[in-house]
């Protein structure tokens, strides 16, 4: 079944007749459907790495920063040789979401994709591997827009009466080809941002499920996921369960997991590290010798993007730092071995771009050489892709659902017209 077709039963059998709709008194959606918790919605205002600037004590958004490589000098990353690439699988995981917004409801489409390249000197197959994971949802805003409650319960997620939504992975693991239903709660964010919270939560859950599909057992594997190590809109339990395969089976042999973020212009990891009471002065002396950089100067800077051209030369990375955003501290408390080790890489090609890499600490402690190899592969892929690692660009193409959204929008408008439901339209220009 195509992604947009999952809404066909709803459009055909659950939309209320226009005359009945206009004659009904205003009301909200039924209370027996789940809602997002505020914990799910708050990350929408954080940076991609969970940096929460709304509650920062003394301009600090990290509960812990530790430099692992001493002296903390920039590290040159060479291009891997043909021999190093022999029989290596490079995987990319990315996700996307699209929404069809109407005054009474929001339809949500989500997809995550994995792409794997096999590099071989002897033309071993398969050269290319891909998979997709899909899910859909509805945010019910206007209580009068749908009818046939029994049919809705048949086609949509049934609630257990809990007011706040639970972890998303158990629902997505069922792989049902039916939309999940969420009701809008006016005490939370406005409908548009609320629907975005639902979409991001589902999308990041699908990305975590893709980890289980990594082609393991043949040669070296470097799995690169778009975004931070800790998905910001999923619950800590979902993050822990989603990353649990990294501790088992072939992941313990020749496989390394790298979280790679390209949307990091607001991140402040280096700025906080330079103000650190224990090693901040050492970093300043190495990165900015004889420049007398003060805390007051650093506090006025907006993000690490201002510092990177002054710290790194093209083809270099920053030293690895253990860095835990306060907003995601609960994950590390549950499993300290997942503590993220972070670094930035600055591309060789112009215009220069940079990415932030994160690797679970236990992989570094288990095999430093494999982590260095994974960083080298990720940096090389970034040179090939220019704006992001090539394998992530390919995964991004595989999870594009703009056409499905367009088809769903046409079908939705046709169904509304057939029911003579003249809903007001918002301007989205």
Protein backbone atom coordinates (compact mmCIF):
# COMPACT_ATOMS: atom_id res chain seq x y z
CA UNK A 1 0.00 0.00 0.00
CA UNK A 2 1.35 3.43 -0.92
CA UNK A 3 1.94 5.88 1.89
CA UNK A 4 -0.84 8.31 0.96
CA UNK A 5 -3.34 5.47 0.45
CA UNK A 6 -3.39 4.80 4.18
CA UNK A 7 -5.77 7.78 4.49
CA UNK A 8 -8.23 6.53 1.84
CA UNK A 9 -10.67 4.85 4.30
CA UNK A 10 -10.74 8.02 6.39
CA UNK A 11 -11.45 10.27 3.42
CA UNK A 12 -14.13 7.95 2.03
CA UNK A 13 -15.99 6.93 5.17
CA UNK A 14 -15.16 9.20 8.11
CA UNK A 15 -15.60 12.81 6.93
CA UNK A 16 -18.82 14.41 8.15
CA UNK A 17 -21.36 15.82 5.70
CA UNK A 18 -20.96 19.57 5.21
CA UNK A 19 -24.50 20.46 6.27
CA UNK A 20 -24.26 18.39 9.46
CA UNK A 21 -20.86 19.90 10.19
CA UNK A 22 -22.12 23.49 9.92
CA UNK A 23 -25.16 22.76 12.11
CA UNK A 24 -23.09 21.16 14.89
CA UNK A 25 -22.00 23.19 17.94
CA UNK A 26 -18.20 23.67 18.22
CA UNK A 27 -16.36 21.00 20.17
CA UNK A 28 -12.90 19.55 20.55
CA UNK A 29 -11.78 16.02 19.63
CA UNK A 30 -12.79 13.00 21.78
CA UNK A 31 -10.73 12.60 24.93
CA UNK A 32 -10.06 8.89 24.42
CA UNK A 33 -7.22 9.50 21.96
CA UNK A 34 -3.67 10.17 23.16
CA UNK A 35 -1.91 13.53 23.17
CA UNK A 36 1.76 14.45 23.11
CA UNK A 37 3.38 15.31 26.42
CA UNK A 38 5.08 18.66 26.93
CA UNK A 39 8.34 16.71 27.06
CA UNK A 40 7.72 15.73 23.43
CA UNK A 41 7.02 19.31 22.37
CA UNK A 42 9.78 21.18 24.23
CA UNK A 43 12.59 19.87 21.95
CA UNK A 44 11.08 21.84 19.05
CA UNK A 45 12.60 24.94 20.64
CA UNK A 46 16.00 23.29 21.26
CA UNK A 47 18.92 23.10 18.85
CA UNK A 48 19.41 19.90 16.88
CA UNK A 49 21.70 18.56 19.63
CA UNK A 50 19.21 19.16 22.42
CA UNK A 51 20.80 22.38 23.61
CA UNK A 52 18.10 24.16 25.63
CA UNK A 53 18.83 27.89 25.89
CA UNK A 54 15.58 28.69 27.73
CA UNK A 55 16.72 27.24 31.04
CA UNK A 56 20.50 27.52 30.86
CA UNK A 57 22.22 28.24 34.22
CA UNK A 58 25.03 30.75 33.78
CA UNK A 59 24.96 30.36 29.99
CA UNK A 60 25.68 26.60 30.21
CA UNK A 61 23.66 24.07 28.25
CA UNK A 62 25.92 21.04 28.79
CA UNK A 63 25.93 19.03 32.00
CA UNK A 64 29.36 17.65 31.13
CA UNK A 65 32.23 18.49 28.78
CA UNK A 66 35.49 16.53 28.82
CA UNK A 67 38.39 16.63 26.34
CA UNK A 68 39.56 13.10 25.54
CA UNK A 69 42.54 13.84 23.29
CA UNK A 70 45.46 15.70 24.81
CA UNK A 71 47.01 17.99 23.78
CA UNK A 72 43.71 19.26 22.32
CA UNK A 73 45.04 20.19 18.91
CA UNK A 74 43.19 19.93 15.56
CA UNK A 75 43.60 16.54 13.88
CA UNK A 76 44.31 16.10 10.17
CA UNK A 77 41.98 13.62 8.46
CA UNK A 78 43.52 12.03 5.33
CA UNK A 79 41.52 10.63 2.43
CA UNK A 80 41.23 6.82 2.84
CA UNK A 81 43.27 4.68 0.48
CA UNK A 82 41.82 2.04 -1.86
CA UNK A 83 43.17 -0.69 0.41
CA UNK A 84 41.43 0.84 3.43
CA UNK A 85 38.11 0.94 1.58
CA UNK A 86 38.27 -2.68 0.42
CA UNK A 87 35.12 -4.58 1.39
CA UNK A 88 33.68 -1.75 3.46
CA UNK A 89 29.95 -1.12 3.83
CA UNK A 90 29.03 2.54 4.33
CA UNK A 91 25.41 2.99 5.44
CA UNK A 92 23.35 6.15 5.69
CA UNK A 93 20.11 6.66 7.64
CA UNK A 94 17.90 9.69 7.14
CA UNK A 95 14.24 10.60 7.60
CA UNK A 96 11.64 13.09 6.37
CA UNK A 97 8.12 14.16 7.17
CA UNK A 98 5.38 16.03 5.33
CA UNK A 99 2.01 17.37 6.46
CA UNK A 100 -1.32 18.22 4.85
CA UNK A 101 -2.83 20.88 7.11
CA UNK A 102 -6.51 21.74 7.24
CA UNK A 103 -8.42 23.65 9.89
CA UNK A 104 -10.00 20.56 11.43
CA UNK A 105 -7.16 18.06 11.10
CA UNK A 106 -3.55 17.49 10.08
CA UNK A 107 -2.49 14.48 7.99
CA UNK A 108 1.12 13.40 8.58
CA UNK A 109 3.43 11.35 6.35
CA UNK A 110 6.76 10.03 7.64
CA UNK A 111 9.52 7.96 6.07
CA UNK A 112 12.99 6.85 7.08
CA UNK A 113 15.43 5.32 4.61
CA UNK A 114 18.68 3.40 4.80
CA UNK A 115 21.15 3.30 1.93
CA UNK A 116 24.30 1.16 1.96
CA UNK A 117 27.28 1.34 -0.41
CA UNK A 118 29.67 -1.59 -0.69
CA UNK A 119 33.23 -0.69 -1.65
CA UNK A 120 35.16 -3.66 -3.02
CA UNK A 121 38.33 -4.27 -5.07
CA UNK A 122 36.86 -7.49 -6.49
CA UNK A 123 33.37 -6.25 -7.50
CA UNK A 124 31.60 -8.19 -4.77
CA UNK A 125 27.83 -7.84 -4.69
CA UNK A 126 25.55 -6.24 -3.65
CA UNK A 127 26.98 -2.88 -4.64
CA UNK A 128 23.97 -0.96 -3.40
CA UNK A 129 21.33 -1.72 -0.76
CA UNK A 130 18.30 0.29 0.39
CA UNK A 131 15.17 0.03 2.50
CA UNK A 132 12.36 2.32 3.62
CA UNK A 133 10.18 2.43 6.70
CA UNK A 134 6.90 4.37 6.54
CA UNK A 135 4.30 5.57 9.03
CA UNK A 136 1.36 7.98 9.00
CA UNK A 137 -0.67 9.83 11.61
CA UNK A 138 -3.60 12.19 12.07
CA UNK A 139 -3.86 15.08 14.50
CA UNK A 140 -7.57 15.56 15.21
CA UNK A 141 -8.27 19.25 15.93
CA UNK A 142 -11.99 19.91 15.26
CA UNK A 143 -14.20 17.40 17.04
CA UNK A 144 -16.95 17.71 14.40
CA UNK A 145 -14.87 16.91 11.31
CA UNK A 146 -14.91 13.09 11.63
CA UNK A 147 -17.73 10.65 12.30
CA UNK A 148 -18.04 6.84 12.47
CA UNK A 149 -16.11 6.56 15.74
CA UNK A 150 -16.13 2.76 15.50
CA UNK A 151 -14.56 2.88 12.04
CA UNK A 152 -11.95 5.34 13.25
CA UNK A 153 -11.03 2.98 16.07
CA UNK A 154 -10.77 0.18 13.50
CA UNK A 155 -8.43 2.04 11.20
CA UNK A 156 -6.55 4.14 13.71
CA UNK A 157 -4.57 3.75 16.88
CA UNK A 158 -6.69 2.77 19.85
CA UNK A 159 -6.05 4.62 23.10
CA UNK A 160 -5.72 3.04 26.52
CA UNK A 161 -7.08 6.18 28.16
CA UNK A 162 -3.66 7.63 28.98
CA UNK A 163 -3.61 11.42 28.61
CA UNK A 164 0.00 11.67 27.45
CA UNK A 165 1.40 9.66 24.58
CA UNK A 166 3.79 6.83 25.37
CA UNK A 167 6.97 5.68 23.65
CA UNK A 168 6.63 5.56 19.87
CA UNK A 169 8.83 2.55 19.03
CA UNK A 170 6.40 -0.13 20.29
CA UNK A 171 3.70 1.32 18.02
CA UNK A 172 5.98 1.58 14.99
CA UNK A 173 7.31 -1.95 15.48
CA UNK A 174 3.84 -3.31 14.69
CA UNK A 175 4.33 -2.02 11.12
CA UNK A 176 0.60 -1.39 10.69
CA UNK A 177 -0.45 0.24 7.44
CA UNK A 178 -2.92 2.53 9.21
CA UNK A 179 -2.51 6.06 10.56
CA UNK A 180 -1.90 6.65 14.25
CA UNK A 181 -4.42 9.04 15.81
CA UNK A 182 -3.54 11.90 18.15
CA UNK A 183 -5.97 14.44 19.48
CA UNK A 184 -5.00 18.07 19.73
CA UNK A 185 -4.89 19.51 23.25
CA UNK A 186 -5.36 23.28 23.38
CA UNK A 187 -3.32 23.50 26.59
CA UNK A 188 -0.25 22.53 24.57
CA UNK A 189 1.34 24.22 21.53
CA UNK A 190 -0.74 25.56 18.68
CA UNK A 191 -2.01 22.99 16.12
CA UNK A 192 0.72 23.59 13.52
CA UNK A 193 3.65 23.18 15.91
CA UNK A 194 1.82 20.35 17.70
CA UNK A 195 1.46 18.44 14.41
CA UNK A 196 5.14 19.11 13.70
CA UNK A 197 5.99 17.56 17.08
CA UNK A 198 4.03 14.43 16.15
CA UNK A 199 5.73 14.24 12.74
CA UNK A 200 9.26 14.62 14.10
CA UNK A 201 8.62 12.10 16.88
CA UNK A 202 7.43 9.45 14.42
CA UNK A 203 10.18 10.21 11.89
CA UNK A 204 12.94 9.87 14.49
CA UNK A 205 11.38 6.63 15.72
CA UNK A 206 11.56 5.21 12.18
CA UNK A 207 15.22 6.27 11.94
CA UNK A 208 15.99 4.34 15.12
CA UNK A 209 14.28 1.25 13.71
CA UNK A 210 16.51 1.42 10.63
CA UNK A 211 19.54 0.69 12.82
CA UNK A 212 18.30 -2.89 13.14
CA UNK A 213 18.47 -3.28 9.35
CA UNK A 214 22.18 -2.46 9.05
CA UNK A 215 23.88 -5.06 6.78
CA UNK A 216 26.24 -6.72 9.25
CA UNK A 217 28.52 -9.70 9.11
CA UNK A 218 30.53 -8.95 5.95
CA UNK A 219 33.62 -6.78 6.23
CA UNK A 220 33.77 -3.44 7.97
CA UNK A 221 30.61 -1.41 8.44
CA UNK A 222 30.35 2.31 9.11
CA UNK A 223 26.75 3.33 9.77
CA UNK A 224 26.12 7.09 9.54
CA UNK A 225 22.81 8.48 10.82
CA UNK A 226 21.66 12.00 10.05
CA UNK A 227 21.27 14.09 13.20
CA UNK A 228 22.56 13.73 16.76
CA UNK A 229 23.24 10.51 18.62
CA UNK A 230 20.23 11.10 20.88
CA UNK A 231 17.08 11.76 18.86
CA UNK A 232 15.67 14.86 20.49
CA UNK A 233 11.91 14.31 20.05
CA UNK A 234 11.75 10.67 21.12
CA UNK A 235 11.53 9.58 24.73
CA UNK A 236 14.67 8.48 26.59
CA UNK A 237 13.29 4.93 26.64
CA UNK A 238 12.87 4.98 22.86
CA UNK A 239 16.44 6.26 22.45
CA UNK A 240 17.82 3.52 24.69
CA UNK A 241 15.81 0.80 22.96
CA UNK A 242 16.59 2.15 19.50
CA UNK A 243 20.35 2.16 20.19
CA UNK A 244 20.37 -1.18 22.03
CA UNK A 245 21.41 -3.18 18.89
CA UNK A 246 24.80 -1.42 19.05
CA UNK A 247 25.72 -3.58 22.04
CA UNK A 248 24.92 -6.96 20.52
CA UNK A 249 25.91 -9.38 17.76
CA UNK A 250 28.08 -8.21 14.87
CA UNK A 251 28.05 -4.61 16.11
CA UNK A 252 30.70 -5.72 18.62
CA UNK A 253 33.09 -6.79 15.84
CA UNK A 254 33.78 -4.50 12.87
CA UNK A 255 30.86 -2.05 13.02
CA UNK A 256 30.92 1.59 14.10
CA UNK A 257 27.97 3.95 14.48
CA UNK A 258 28.37 7.66 13.70
CA UNK A 259 25.72 10.34 14.20
CA UNK A 260 26.41 13.16 11.73
CA UNK A 261 24.70 16.56 11.93
CA UNK A 262 24.87 19.19 9.22
CA UNK A 263 22.39 21.67 10.77
CA UNK A 264 24.68 22.83 13.57
CA UNK A 265 25.01 26.57 13.06
CA UNK A 266 23.46 27.22 16.51
CA UNK A 267 25.56 24.74 18.50
CA UNK A 268 27.74 26.10 21.33
CA UNK A 269 29.90 23.13 22.37
CA UNK A 270 33.25 24.80 21.65
CA UNK A 271 32.16 28.08 23.23
CA UNK A 272 31.34 26.28 26.47
CA UNK A 273 34.54 24.24 26.32
CA UNK A 274 36.61 27.42 25.98
CA UNK A 275 34.98 28.74 29.17
CA UNK A 276 35.47 25.50 31.09
CA UNK A 277 37.04 26.12 34.49
CA UNK A 278 39.47 23.19 34.22
CA UNK A 279 40.73 23.09 30.61
CA UNK A 280 39.29 26.23 29.00
CA UNK A 281 42.54 28.18 29.32
CA UNK A 282 44.51 25.32 27.74
CA UNK A 283 42.18 25.33 24.73
CA UNK A 284 42.49 29.09 24.34
CA UNK A 285 46.30 28.97 24.52
CA UNK A 286 46.45 26.28 21.80
CA UNK A 287 43.68 27.53 19.51
CA UNK A 288 44.17 31.29 19.98
CA UNK A 289 47.77 31.80 21.13
CA UNK A 290 48.57 35.24 22.59
CA UNK A 291 45.11 36.60 21.73
CA UNK A 292 43.89 37.05 25.33
CA UNK A 293 40.39 35.69 24.73
CA UNK A 294 38.16 36.48 27.74
CA UNK A 295 34.98 34.83 29.04
CA UNK A 296 33.09 38.05 28.41
CA UNK A 297 34.13 37.91 24.74
CA UNK A 298 33.07 34.29 24.36
CA UNK A 299 29.66 34.95 25.95
CA UNK A 300 28.92 37.50 23.23
CA UNK A 301 29.51 35.03 20.39
CA UNK A 302 26.42 33.30 18.95
CA UNK A 303 27.69 29.81 18.09
CA UNK A 304 30.63 27.55 17.23
CA UNK A 305 30.31 28.48 13.55
CA UNK A 306 32.12 31.75 14.33
CA UNK A 307 35.06 29.87 15.87
CA UNK A 308 35.55 26.96 13.48
CA UNK A 309 37.28 28.86 10.63
CA UNK A 310 39.74 30.15 13.25
CA UNK A 311 40.32 26.79 14.90
CA UNK A 312 40.42 24.36 11.95
CA UNK A 313 42.16 24.28 8.61
CA UNK A 314 40.33 22.50 5.77
CA UNK A 315 40.51 18.72 6.22
CA UNK A 316 40.86 18.89 10.00
CA UNK A 317 38.66 17.94 12.93
CA UNK A 318 38.50 19.17 16.49
CA UNK A 319 39.65 16.84 19.30
CA UNK A 320 37.03 14.45 20.62
CA UNK A 321 35.03 15.76 23.56
CA UNK A 322 32.56 13.94 25.79
CA UNK A 323 29.59 16.31 25.70
CA UNK A 324 26.15 15.74 27.23
CA UNK A 325 23.42 18.37 26.70
CA UNK A 326 21.55 18.93 29.95
CA UNK A 327 18.22 18.35 28.20
CA UNK A 328 19.29 14.78 27.27
CA UNK A 329 21.17 13.95 30.45
CA UNK A 330 18.62 11.32 31.46
CA UNK A 331 19.75 9.00 28.64
CA UNK A 332 23.35 8.96 29.90
CA UNK A 333 22.16 8.39 33.47
CA UNK A 334 20.42 5.24 32.23
CA UNK A 335 23.44 4.04 30.21
CA UNK A 336 26.76 5.84 30.68
CA UNK A 337 28.40 3.89 27.85
CA UNK A 338 26.24 5.83 25.36
CA UNK A 339 27.80 9.15 26.35
CA UNK A 340 28.35 11.05 23.08
CA UNK A 341 31.90 11.83 21.94
CA UNK A 342 31.75 14.85 19.62
CA UNK A 343 33.98 16.57 17.09
CA UNK A 344 33.59 18.97 14.15
CA UNK A 345 35.03 18.34 10.68
CA UNK A 346 35.76 21.13 8.18
CA UNK A 347 35.67 20.16 4.50
CA UNK A 348 38.56 20.61 2.08
CA UNK A 349 36.46 21.81 -0.86
CA UNK A 350 35.08 25.32 -1.31
CA UNK A 351 32.73 26.63 -0.15
CA UNK A 352 33.86 25.05 3.09
CA UNK A 353 31.16 23.22 5.05
CA UNK A 354 31.32 21.50 8.40
CA UNK A 355 29.55 18.67 10.17
CA UNK A 356 29.42 17.56 13.76
CA UNK A 357 30.08 13.89 14.47
CA UNK A 358 29.01 11.94 17.56
CA UNK A 359 30.05 8.41 18.50
CA UNK A 360 29.02 6.38 21.60
CA UNK A 361 31.79 6.40 24.16
CA UNK A 362 31.85 2.62 24.58
CA UNK A 363 32.94 2.24 20.92
CA UNK A 364 35.93 4.52 21.53
CA UNK A 365 36.90 2.64 24.68
CA UNK A 366 36.49 -0.71 22.92
CA UNK A 367 38.49 0.06 19.76
CA UNK A 368 39.96 3.52 19.14
CA UNK A 369 41.33 2.49 15.72
CA UNK A 370 37.85 1.57 14.45
CA UNK A 371 36.47 4.92 15.61
CA UNK A 372 39.28 6.79 13.86
CA UNK A 373 38.55 4.77 10.73
CA UNK A 374 34.82 5.59 10.95
CA UNK A 375 35.60 9.30 11.32
CA UNK A 376 37.90 9.12 8.28
CA UNK A 377 35.20 7.40 6.21
CA UNK A 378 32.54 9.91 7.29
CA UNK A 379 34.82 12.84 6.49
CA UNK A 380 35.61 11.36 3.05
CA UNK A 381 31.89 10.85 2.38
CA UNK A 382 31.36 14.49 3.35
CA UNK A 383 33.95 15.56 0.79
CA UNK A 384 32.10 13.56 -1.87
CA UNK A 385 28.69 14.94 -0.91
CA UNK A 386 29.93 18.51 -0.29
CA UNK A 387 26.89 19.62 1.75
CA UNK A 388 26.65 16.36 3.72
CA UNK A 389 28.12 12.85 3.52
CA UNK A 390 27.28 11.35 0.12
CA UNK A 391 25.55 8.32 1.62
CA UNK A 392 23.27 10.65 3.64
CA UNK A 393 22.45 12.64 0.51
CA UNK A 394 21.40 9.40 -1.15
CA UNK A 395 19.33 8.37 1.89
CA UNK A 396 17.70 11.80 1.84
CA UNK A 397 16.64 11.23 -1.78
CA UNK A 398 15.20 7.81 -0.89
CA UNK A 399 13.03 9.23 1.91
CA UNK A 400 11.64 12.15 -0.10
CA UNK A 401 7.84 12.06 0.19
CA UNK A 402 6.94 15.42 -1.36
CA UNK A 403 5.10 13.67 -4.22
CA UNK A 404 3.06 11.58 -1.78
CA UNK A 405 2.14 14.73 0.14
CA UNK A 406 1.03 16.43 -3.08
CA UNK A 407 -1.18 13.47 -4.05
CA UNK A 408 -2.67 13.32 -0.54
CA UNK A 409 -3.41 17.04 -0.67
CA UNK A 410 -5.33 16.65 -3.96
CA UNK A 411 -7.26 13.66 -2.63
CA UNK A 412 -8.07 15.49 0.58
CA UNK A 413 -9.41 18.54 -1.27
CA UNK A 414 -11.47 16.32 -3.55
CA UNK A 415 -12.98 14.46 -0.58
CA UNK A 416 -13.80 17.73 1.21
CA UNK A 417 -15.51 19.07 -1.89
CA UNK A 418 -17.47 15.84 -2.27
CA UNK A 419 -18.76 16.25 1.29
CA UNK A 420 -19.35 20.01 0.73
CA UNK A 421 -17.00 20.75 3.61
CA UNK A 422 -15.84 24.30 2.88
CA UNK A 423 -13.07 24.55 5.46
CA UNK A 424 -11.19 27.82 5.80
CA UNK A 425 -7.69 27.80 4.34
CA UNK A 426 -4.61 29.33 5.95
CA UNK A 427 -2.06 31.19 3.87
CA UNK A 428 1.26 29.34 3.63
CA UNK A 429 3.10 31.48 1.08
